[in-house]
Amino acid sequence: MTGKDKVLRVTYATSAIGVEQDQKETVRRLGLRKLGQTVEQPDTPVLRGMIHKVRHLVTVEEVDA
């Protein structure tokens, strides 16, 4: 990683109860298992797309690597 690389800090903020199954699976694939859990993932277009799909369930912060 270079100094310009970004990392996204993704926090599981809202319960996935009552949402579509594909959104629940997306939350799991982001590495989030429990409500309130935070993971750091590299900032990639694929990850951005996944976050966009479940943007109502997570909060995101950009962090310098």
Protein backbone atom coordinates (compact mmCIF):
# COMPACT_ATOMS: atom_id res chain seq x y z
CA MET A 1 0.00 0.00 0.00
CA THR A 2 1.18 3.48 -0.74
CA GLY A 3 0.51 6.56 1.35
CA LYS A 4 -2.46 7.48 -0.85
CA ASP A 5 -4.35 4.23 -0.31
CA LYS A 6 -7.57 4.51 1.63
CA VAL A 7 -9.25 2.10 3.98
CA LEU A 8 -12.97 2.17 4.70
CA ARG A 9 -14.12 1.63 8.26
CA VAL A 10 -17.57 0.04 7.99
CA THR A 11 -19.83 -0.24 11.04
CA TYR A 12 -22.97 -2.39 11.16
CA ALA A 13 -25.40 0.23 12.50
CA THR A 14 -28.98 -0.93 11.82
CA SER A 15 -30.49 -4.39 12.10
CA ALA A 16 -31.08 -6.35 8.90
CA ILE A 17 -34.33 -7.87 10.21
CA GLY A 18 -37.03 -7.37 7.62
CA VAL A 19 -34.74 -6.56 4.70
CA GLU A 20 -34.26 -8.64 1.56
CA GLN A 21 -32.11 -11.77 1.82
CA ASP A 22 -29.56 -10.47 -0.70
CA GLN A 23 -28.94 -7.42 1.50
CA LYS A 24 -28.41 -9.67 4.54
CA GLU A 25 -25.88 -11.67 2.52
CA THR A 26 -24.11 -8.47 1.45
CA VAL A 27 -23.73 -7.42 5.10
CA ARG A 28 -22.23 -10.82 5.86
CA ARG A 29 -19.85 -10.59 2.89
CA LEU A 30 -18.63 -7.24 4.17
CA GLY A 31 -17.41 -9.20 7.20
CA LEU A 32 -20.08 -7.92 9.58
CA ARG A 33 -21.66 -10.44 11.92
CA LYS A 34 -22.98 -8.55 14.96
CA LEU A 35 -24.76 -5.23 15.30
CA GLY A 36 -22.27 -2.52 16.24
CA GLN A 37 -19.31 -4.45 14.81
CA THR A 38 -16.72 -2.48 12.84
CA VAL A 39 -14.40 -3.80 10.13
CA GLU A 40 -11.76 -2.13 7.98
CA GLN A 41 -11.71 -2.98 4.29
CA PRO A 42 -9.59 -1.65 1.40
CA ASP A 43 -11.32 1.04 -0.66
CA THR A 44 -12.19 -0.66 -3.96
CA PRO A 45 -15.00 -0.12 -6.48
CA VAL A 46 -16.42 -3.55 -5.62
CA LEU A 47 -16.56 -2.73 -1.92
CA ARG A 48 -18.10 0.67 -2.65
CA GLY A 49 -20.85 -1.07 -4.62
CA MET A 50 -21.55 -3.47 -1.76
CA ILE A 51 -21.73 -0.58 0.70
CA HIS A 52 -24.06 1.33 -1.62
CA LYS A 53 -26.44 -1.64 -1.65
CA VAL A 54 -26.71 -1.68 2.16
CA ARG A 55 -26.06 2.01 2.84
CA HIS A 56 -29.17 2.16 5.05
CA LEU A 57 -27.70 -0.53 7.35
CA VAL A 58 -24.09 0.65 7.75
CA THR A 59 -22.04 3.74 8.47
CA VAL A 60 -18.77 4.36 6.63
CA GLU A 61 -15.65 6.39 7.39
CA GLU A 62 -12.61 6.88 5.15
CA VAL A 63 -9.33 6.30 6.95
CA ASP A 64 -5.80 6.79 5.65
CA ALA A 65 -3.96 3.48 5.56
